[in-house]
Amino acid sequence: MAQGLFLASNPASDFFYILTALHGLHLLGGVTALGYVLGRLRPSDDAPPRAALSAASLYWHFMAVLWLYLLLVLTTRL
């Protein structure tokens, strides 16, 4: 905003703000899921929540592959 980029100024700034907001939502969702899984992994539990652990693991691995793909696309300009 200090540089004069606002949501309605041009399509590039729209993309920047939307991408930043989606990144924040993904991060918040992933950290929330990870917190839920870690909260359920107390030593007093008989069995760990394998479905929740598997879902959180799948989410974070997907995010890692997605970032590698985006890095490849942005560096090679495909």
PDB file of N, CA and C in Angstrom:
ATOM      1  N   MET A   1       0.822  -1.188   0.000  1.00  0.00           N
ATOM      2  CA  MET A   1       0.000   0.000   0.000  1.00  0.00           C
ATOM      3  C   MET A   1       0.871   1.258   0.000  1.00  0.00           C
ATOM      4  N   ALA A   2       2.019   1.195   0.663  1.00  0.00           N
ATOM      5  CA  ALA A   2       2.892   2.361   0.709  1.00  0.00           C
ATOM      6  C   ALA A   2       3.454   2.679  -0.668  1.00  0.00           C
ATOM      7  N   GLN A   3       3.517   1.685  -1.555  1.00  0.00           N
ATOM      8  CA  GLN A   3       4.045   1.896  -2.893  1.00  0.00           C
ATOM      9  C   GLN A   3       2.953   2.233  -3.905  1.00  0.00           C
ATOM     10  N   GLY A   4       1.726   2.377  -3.435  1.00  0.00           N
ATOM     11  CA  GLY A   4       0.646   2.752  -4.328  1.00  0.00           C
ATOM     12  C   GLY A   4      -0.057   1.582  -4.984  1.00  0.00           C
ATOM     13  N   LEU A   5       0.143   0.360  -4.488  1.00  0.00           N
ATOM     14  CA  LEU A   5      -0.540  -0.810  -5.041  1.00  0.00           C
ATOM     15  C   LEU A   5      -1.787  -1.089  -4.210  1.00  0.00           C
ATOM     16  N   PHE A   6      -2.912  -0.924  -4.831  1.00  0.00           N
ATOM     17  CA  PHE A   6      -4.178  -1.187  -4.177  1.00  0.00           C
ATOM     18  C   PHE A   6      -4.905  -2.286  -4.930  1.00  0.00           C
ATOM     19  N   LEU A   7      -5.929  -2.837  -4.337  1.00  0.00           N
ATOM     20  CA  LEU A   7      -6.631  -3.966  -4.920  1.00  0.00           C
ATOM     21  C   LEU A   7      -7.222  -3.630  -6.287  1.00  0.00           C
ATOM     22  N   ALA A   8      -7.704  -2.435  -6.476  1.00  0.00           N
ATOM     23  CA  ALA A   8      -8.365  -2.089  -7.737  1.00  0.00           C
ATOM     24  C   ALA A   8      -7.466  -1.312  -8.696  1.00  0.00           C
ATOM     25  N   SER A   9      -6.185  -1.167  -8.402  1.00  0.00           N
ATOM     26  CA  SER A   9      -5.344  -0.339  -9.265  1.00  0.00           C
ATOM     27  C   SER A   9      -5.007  -1.005 -10.595  1.00  0.00           C
ATOM     28  N   ASN A  10      -4.674  -2.305 -10.581  1.00  0.00           N
ATOM     29  CA  ASN A  10      -4.427  -3.028 -11.832  1.00  0.00           C
ATOM     30  C   ASN A  10      -4.515  -4.540 -11.578  1.00  0.00           C
ATOM     31  N   PRO A  11      -4.585  -5.344 -12.627  1.00  0.00           N
ATOM     32  CA  PRO A  11      -4.729  -6.796 -12.448  1.00  0.00           C
ATOM     33  C   PRO A  11      -3.559  -7.443 -11.711  1.00  0.00           C
ATOM     34  N   ALA A  12      -2.362  -6.914 -11.852  1.00  0.00           N
ATOM     35  CA  ALA A  12      -1.211  -7.507 -11.162  1.00  0.00           C
ATOM     36  C   ALA A  12      -1.345  -7.361  -9.654  1.00  0.00           C
ATOM     37  N   SER A  13      -1.829  -6.232  -9.189  1.00  0.00           N
ATOM     38  CA  SER A  13      -1.995  -6.073  -7.746  1.00  0.00           C
ATOM     39  C   SER A  13      -3.160  -6.920  -7.245  1.00  0.00           C
ATOM     40  N   ASP A  14      -4.189  -7.100  -8.052  1.00  0.00           N
ATOM     41  CA  ASP A  14      -5.276  -8.009  -7.680  1.00  0.00           C
ATOM     42  C   ASP A  14      -4.728  -9.413  -7.457  1.00  0.00           C
ATOM     43  N   PHE A  15      -3.919  -9.864  -8.389  1.00  0.00           N
ATOM     44  CA  PHE A  15      -3.327 -11.203  -8.292  1.00  0.00           C
ATOM     45  C   PHE A  15      -2.461 -11.326  -7.043  1.00  0.00           C
ATOM     46  N   PHE A  16      -1.672 -10.304  -6.752  1.00  0.00           N
ATOM     47  CA  PHE A  16      -0.795 -10.326  -5.579  1.00  0.00           C
ATOM     48  C   PHE A  16      -1.605 -10.463  -4.293  1.00  0.00           C
ATOM     49  N   TYR A  17      -2.630  -9.642  -4.144  1.00  0.00           N
ATOM     50  CA  TYR A  17      -3.420  -9.679  -2.913  1.00  0.00           C
ATOM     51  C   TYR A  17      -4.215 -10.986  -2.794  1.00  0.00           C
ATOM     52  N   ILE A  18      -4.753 -11.475  -3.886  1.00  0.00           N
ATOM     53  CA  ILE A  18      -5.507 -12.727  -3.846  1.00  0.00           C
ATOM     54  C   ILE A  18      -4.580 -13.895  -3.525  1.00  0.00           C
ATOM     55  N   LEU A  19      -3.420 -13.932  -4.151  1.00  0.00           N
ATOM     56  CA  LEU A  19      -2.455 -14.997  -3.885  1.00  0.00           C
ATOM     57  C   LEU A  19      -1.976 -14.961  -2.432  1.00  0.00           C
ATOM     58  N   THR A  20      -1.753 -13.763  -1.903  1.00  0.00           N
ATOM     59  CA  THR A  20      -1.332 -13.627  -0.515  1.00  0.00           C
ATOM     60  C   THR A  20      -2.429 -14.098   0.441  1.00  0.00           C
ATOM     61  N   ALA A  21      -3.670 -13.748   0.160  1.00  0.00           N
ATOM     62  CA  ALA A  21      -4.780 -14.170   1.015  1.00  0.00           C
ATOM     63  C   ALA A  21      -4.977 -15.682   0.960  1.00  0.00           C
ATOM     64  N   LEU A  22      -4.879 -16.275  -0.219  1.00  0.00           N
ATOM     65  CA  LEU A  22      -5.015 -17.730  -0.327  1.00  0.00           C
ATOM     66  C   LEU A  22      -3.872 -18.449   0.371  1.00  0.00           C
ATOM     67  N   HIS A  23      -2.683 -17.908   0.285  1.00  0.00           N
ATOM     68  CA  HIS A  23      -1.548 -18.492   0.996  1.00  0.00           C
ATOM     69  C   HIS A  23      -1.784 -18.455   2.503  1.00  0.00           C
ATOM     70  N   GLY A  24      -2.276 -17.332   2.988  1.00  0.00           N
ATOM     71  CA  GLY A  24      -2.580 -17.217   4.414  1.00  0.00           C
ATOM     72  C   GLY A  24      -3.648 -18.205   4.865  1.00  0.00           C
ATOM     73  N   LEU A  25      -4.684 -18.397   4.042  1.00  0.00           N
ATOM     74  CA  LEU A  25      -5.736 -19.361   4.382  1.00  0.00           C
ATOM     75  C   LEU A  25      -5.196 -20.792   4.392  1.00  0.00           C
ATOM     76  N   HIS A  26      -4.364 -21.133   3.413  1.00  0.00           N
ATOM     77  CA  HIS A  26      -3.775 -22.470   3.388  1.00  0.00           C
ATOM     78  C   HIS A  26      -2.881 -22.698   4.597  1.00  0.00           C
ATOM     79  N   LEU A  27      -2.100 -21.705   4.934  1.00  0.00           N
ATOM     80  CA  LEU A  27      -1.215 -21.825   6.086  1.00  0.00           C
ATOM     81  C   LEU A  27      -2.014 -21.957   7.376  1.00  0.00           C
ATOM     82  N   LEU A  28      -3.034 -21.155   7.528  1.00  0.00           N
ATOM     83  CA  LEU A  28      -3.873 -21.229   8.722  1.00  0.00           C
ATOM     84  C   LEU A  28      -4.568 -22.581   8.827  1.00  0.00           C
ATOM     85  N   GLY A  29      -5.087 -23.084   7.712  1.00  0.00           N
ATOM     86  CA  GLY A  29      -5.729 -24.398   7.725  1.00  0.00           C
ATOM     87  C   GLY A  29      -4.755 -25.513   8.058  1.00  0.00           C
ATOM     88  N   GLY A  30      -3.563 -25.457   7.497  1.00  0.00           N
ATOM     89  CA  GLY A  30      -2.571 -26.488   7.762  1.00  0.00           C
ATOM     90  C   GLY A  30      -2.078 -26.468   9.194  1.00  0.00           C
ATOM     91  N   VAL A  31      -1.837 -25.293   9.735  1.00  0.00           N
ATOM     92  CA  VAL A  31      -1.383 -25.184  11.122  1.00  0.00           C
ATOM     93  C   VAL A  31      -2.491 -25.608  12.073  1.00  0.00           C
ATOM     94  N   THR A  32      -3.728 -25.284  11.763  1.00  0.00           N
ATOM     95  CA  THR A  32      -4.854 -25.720  12.590  1.00  0.00           C
ATOM     96  C   THR A  32      -4.971 -27.243  12.593  1.00  0.00           C
ATOM     97  N   ALA A  33      -4.873 -27.857  11.427  1.00  0.00           N
ATOM     98  CA  ALA A  33      -4.934 -29.320  11.344  1.00  0.00           C
ATOM     99  C   ALA A  33      -3.765 -29.965  12.074  1.00  0.00           C
ATOM    100  N   LEU A  34      -2.585 -29.394  11.920  1.00  0.00           N
ATOM    101  CA  LEU A  34      -1.422 -29.933  12.609  1.00  0.00           C
ATOM    102  C   LEU A  34      -1.566 -29.800  14.118  1.00  0.00           C
ATOM    103  N   GLY A  35      -2.088 -28.681  14.577  1.00  0.00           N
ATOM    104  CA  GLY A  35      -2.351 -28.500  16.009  1.00  0.00           C
ATOM    105  C   GLY A  35      -3.371 -29.498  16.537  1.00  0.00           C
ATOM    106  N   TYR A  36      -4.395 -29.765  15.739  1.00  0.00           N
ATOM    107  CA  TYR A  36      -5.401 -30.749  16.126  1.00  0.00           C
ATOM    108  C   TYR A  36      -4.781 -32.130  16.278  1.00  0.00           C
ATOM    109  N   VAL A  37      -3.973 -32.512  15.302  1.00  0.00           N
ATOM    110  CA  VAL A  37      -3.340 -33.836  15.341  1.00  0.00           C
ATOM    111  C   VAL A  37      -2.379 -33.926  16.517  1.00  0.00           C
ATOM    112  N   LEU A  38      -1.567 -32.901  16.723  1.00  0.00           N
ATOM    113  CA  LEU A  38      -0.619 -32.924  17.835  1.00  0.00           C
ATOM    114  C   LEU A  38      -1.342 -32.923  19.182  1.00  0.00           C
ATOM    115  N   GLY A  39      -2.472 -32.244  19.250  1.00  0.00           N
ATOM    116  CA  GLY A  39      -3.264 -32.260  20.481  1.00  0.00           C
ATOM    117  C   GLY A  39      -3.857 -33.626  20.778  1.00  0.00           C
ATOM    118  N   ARG A  40      -4.131 -34.391  19.731  1.00  0.00           N
ATOM    119  CA  ARG A  40      -4.697 -35.727  19.913  1.00  0.00           C
ATOM    120  C   ARG A  40      -3.630 -36.787  20.189  1.00  0.00           C
ATOM    121  N   LEU A  41      -2.354 -36.465  20.009  1.00  0.00           N
ATOM    122  CA  LEU A  41      -1.280 -37.433  20.203  1.00  0.00           C
ATOM    123  C   LEU A  41      -0.709 -37.381  21.615  1.00  0.00           C
ATOM    124  N   ARG A  42      -1.570 -37.361  22.593  1.00  0.00           N
ATOM    125  CA  ARG A  42      -1.122 -37.379  23.983  1.00  0.00           C
ATOM    126  C   ARG A  42      -0.708 -38.796  24.367  1.00  0.00           C
ATOM    127  N   PRO A  43       0.245 -38.931  25.264  1.00  0.00           N
ATOM    128  CA  PRO A  43       0.682 -40.272  25.669  1.00  0.00           C
ATOM    129  C   PRO A  43      -0.412 -41.091  26.348  1.00  0.00           C
ATOM    130  N   SER A  44      -1.442 -40.446  26.873  1.00  0.00           N
ATOM    131  CA  SER A  44      -2.496 -41.185  27.571  1.00  0.00           C
ATOM    132  C   SER A  44      -3.473 -41.867  26.621  1.00  0.00           C
ATOM    133  N   ASP A  45      -3.481 -41.464  25.355  1.00  0.00           N
ATOM    134  CA  ASP A  45      -4.391 -42.093  24.391  1.00  0.00           C
ATOM    135  C   ASP A  45      -3.933 -43.514  24.087  1.00  0.00           C
ATOM    136  N   ASP A  46      -4.908 -44.401  23.878  1.00  0.00           N
ATOM    137  CA  ASP A  46      -4.579 -45.791  23.555  1.00  0.00           C
ATOM    138  C   ASP A  46      -4.051 -45.918  22.135  1.00  0.00           C
ATOM    139  N   ALA A  47      -4.729 -45.295  21.201  1.00  0.00           N
ATOM    140  CA  ALA A  47      -4.317 -45.385  19.805  1.00  0.00           C
ATOM    141  C   ALA A  47      -4.273 -43.987  19.204  1.00  0.00           C
ATOM    142  N   PRO A  48      -3.220 -43.673  18.464  1.00  0.00           N
ATOM    143  CA  PRO A  48      -3.168 -42.341  17.847  1.00  0.00           C
ATOM    144  C   PRO A  48      -4.206 -42.219  16.733  1.00  0.00           C
ATOM    145  N   PRO A  49      -4.671 -41.017  16.466  1.00  0.00           N
ATOM    146  CA  PRO A  49      -5.668 -40.806  15.402  1.00  0.00           C
ATOM    147  C   PRO A  49      -5.016 -40.942  14.026  1.00  0.00           C
ATOM    148  N   ARG A  50      -4.942 -42.141  13.543  1.00  0.00           N
ATOM    149  CA  ARG A  50      -4.212 -42.403  12.298  1.00  0.00           C
ATOM    150  C   ARG A  50      -4.832 -41.677  11.098  1.00  0.00           C
ATOM    151  N   ALA A  51      -6.136 -41.567  11.049  1.00  0.00           N
ATOM    152  CA  ALA A  51      -6.775 -40.890   9.916  1.00  0.00           C
ATOM    153  C   ALA A  51      -6.421 -39.405   9.913  1.00  0.00           C
ATOM    154  N   ALA A  52      -6.470 -38.759  11.058  1.00  0.00           N
ATOM    155  CA  ALA A  52      -6.137 -37.332  11.138  1.00  0.00           C
ATOM    156  C   ALA A  52      -4.655 -37.116  10.859  1.00  0.00           C
ATOM    157  N   LEU A  53      -3.810 -37.985  11.373  1.00  0.00           N
ATOM    158  CA  LEU A  53      -2.374 -37.875  11.129  1.00  0.00           C
ATOM    159  C   LEU A  53      -2.058 -38.070   9.648  1.00  0.00           C
ATOM    160  N   SER A  54      -2.724 -39.024   9.029  1.00  0.00           N
ATOM    161  CA  SER A  54      -2.534 -39.274   7.609  1.00  0.00           C
ATOM    162  C   SER A  54      -3.011 -38.083   6.773  1.00  0.00           C
ATOM    163  N   ALA A  55      -4.134 -37.498   7.130  1.00  0.00           N
ATOM    164  CA  ALA A  55      -4.659 -36.349   6.388  1.00  0.00           C
ATOM    165  C   ALA A  55      -3.734 -35.143   6.522  1.00  0.00           C
ATOM    166  N   ALA A  56      -3.238 -34.877   7.721  1.00  0.00           N
ATOM    167  CA  ALA A  56      -2.330 -33.752   7.912  1.00  0.00           C
ATOM    168  C   ALA A  56      -1.020 -33.983   7.163  1.00  0.00           C
ATOM    169  N   SER A  57      -0.534 -35.205   7.185  1.00  0.00           N
ATOM    170  CA  SER A  57       0.692 -35.542   6.466  1.00  0.00           C
ATOM    171  C   SER A  57       0.504 -35.374   4.959  1.00  0.00           C
ATOM    172  N   LEU A  58      -0.611 -35.846   4.447  1.00  0.00           N
ATOM    173  CA  LEU A  58      -0.908 -35.698   3.021  1.00  0.00           C
ATOM    174  C   LEU A  58      -1.000 -34.223   2.633  1.00  0.00           C
ATOM    175  N   TYR A  59      -1.629 -33.421   3.466  1.00  0.00           N
ATOM    176  CA  TYR A  59      -1.762 -31.987   3.200  1.00  0.00           C
ATOM    177  C   TYR A  59      -0.392 -31.321   3.094  1.00  0.00           C
ATOM    178  N   TRP A  60       0.480 -31.557   4.074  1.00  0.00           N
ATOM    179  CA  TRP A  60       1.775 -30.893   4.076  1.00  0.00           C
ATOM    180  C   TRP A  60       2.669 -31.395   2.952  1.00  0.00           C
ATOM    181  N   HIS A  61       2.577 -32.674   2.610  1.00  0.00           N
ATOM    182  CA  HIS A  61       3.345 -33.169   1.474  1.00  0.00           C
ATOM    183  C   HIS A  61       2.833 -32.563   0.160  1.00  0.00           C
ATOM    184  N   PHE A  62       1.526 -32.416   0.028  1.00  0.00           N
ATOM    185  CA  PHE A  62       0.965 -31.766  -1.148  1.00  0.00           C
ATOM    186  C   PHE A  62       1.449 -30.326  -1.249  1.00  0.00           C
ATOM    187  N   MET A  63       1.483 -29.615  -0.133  1.00  0.00           N
ATOM    188  CA  MET A  63       1.958 -28.236  -0.142  1.00  0.00           C
ATOM    189  C   MET A  63       3.427 -28.166  -0.558  1.00  0.00           C
ATOM    190  N   ALA A  64       4.242 -29.108  -0.109  1.00  0.00           N
ATOM    191  CA  ALA A  64       5.655 -29.121  -0.490  1.00  0.00           C
ATOM    192  C   ALA A  64       5.816 -29.349  -1.991  1.00  0.00           C
ATOM    193  N   VAL A  65       5.058 -30.298  -2.544  1.00  0.00           N
ATOM    194  CA  VAL A  65       5.127 -30.560  -3.983  1.00  0.00           C
ATOM    195  C   VAL A  65       4.600 -29.365  -4.770  1.00  0.00           C
ATOM    196  N   LEU A  66       3.548 -28.735  -4.281  1.00  0.00           N
ATOM    197  CA  LEU A  66       3.002 -27.563  -4.950  1.00  0.00           C
ATOM    198  C   LEU A  66       4.013 -26.423  -4.989  1.00  0.00           C
ATOM    199  N   TRP A  67       4.717 -26.190  -3.886  1.00  0.00           N
ATOM    200  CA  TRP A  67       5.727 -25.129  -3.871  1.00  0.00           C
ATOM    201  C   TRP A  67       6.872 -25.450  -4.815  1.00  0.00           C
ATOM    202  N   LEU A  68       7.277 -26.706  -4.897  1.00  0.00           N
ATOM    203  CA  LEU A  68       8.326 -27.078  -5.846  1.00  0.00           C
ATOM    204  C   LEU A  68       7.859 -26.847  -7.280  1.00  0.00           C
ATOM    205  N   TYR A  69       6.617 -27.187  -7.571  1.00  0.00           N
ATOM    206  CA  TYR A  69       6.057 -26.950  -8.900  1.00  0.00           C
ATOM    207  C   TYR A  69       6.016 -25.455  -9.211  1.00  0.00           C
ATOM    208  N   LEU A  70       5.542 -24.648  -8.265  1.00  0.00           N
ATOM    209  CA  LEU A  70       5.479 -23.207  -8.487  1.00  0.00           C
ATOM    210  C   LEU A  70       6.872 -22.617  -8.683  1.00  0.00           C
ATOM    211  N   LEU A  71       7.844 -23.107  -7.933  1.00  0.00           N
ATOM    212  CA  LEU A  71       9.216 -22.646  -8.107  1.00  0.00           C
ATOM    213  C   LEU A  71       9.720 -22.976  -9.507  1.00  0.00           C
ATOM    214  N   LEU A  72       9.421 -24.174  -9.971  1.00  0.00           N
ATOM    215  CA  LEU A  72       9.827 -24.574 -11.307  1.00  0.00           C
ATOM    216  C   LEU A  72       9.157 -23.694 -12.373  1.00  0.00           C
ATOM    217  N   VAL A  73       7.880 -23.475 -12.240  1.00  0.00           N
ATOM    218  CA  VAL A  73       7.147 -22.657 -13.213  1.00  0.00           C
ATOM    219  C   VAL A  73       7.645 -21.211 -13.216  1.00  0.00           C
ATOM    220  N   LEU A  74       7.870 -20.659 -12.036  1.00  0.00           N
ATOM    221  CA  LEU A  74       8.292 -19.258 -11.969  1.00  0.00           C
ATOM    222  C   LEU A  74       9.737 -19.051 -12.400  1.00  0.00           C
ATOM    223  N   THR A  75      10.593 -20.043 -12.207  1.00  0.00           N
ATOM    224  CA  THR A  75      11.988 -19.870 -12.612  1.00  0.00           C
ATOM    225  C   THR A  75      12.195 -20.155 -14.094  1.00  0.00           C
ATOM    226  N   THR A  76      11.422 -21.073 -14.666  1.00  0.00           N
ATOM    227  CA  THR A  76      11.579 -21.395 -16.080  1.00  0.00           C
ATOM    228  C   THR A  76      10.618 -20.621 -16.963  1.00  0.00           C
ATOM    229  N   ARG A  77       9.667 -19.944 -16.364  1.00  0.00           N
ATOM    230  CA  ARG A  77       8.672 -19.127 -17.082  1.00  0.00           C
ATOM    231  C   ARG A  77       7.934 -19.947 -18.147  1.00  0.00           C
ATOM    232  N   LEU A  78       7.459 -21.130 -17.728  1.00  0.00           N
ATOM    233  CA  LEU A  78       6.719 -22.001 -18.664  1.00  0.00           C
ATOM    234  C   LEU A  78       5.396 -21.398 -19.049  1.00  0.00           C
TER     235      LEU A  78
END
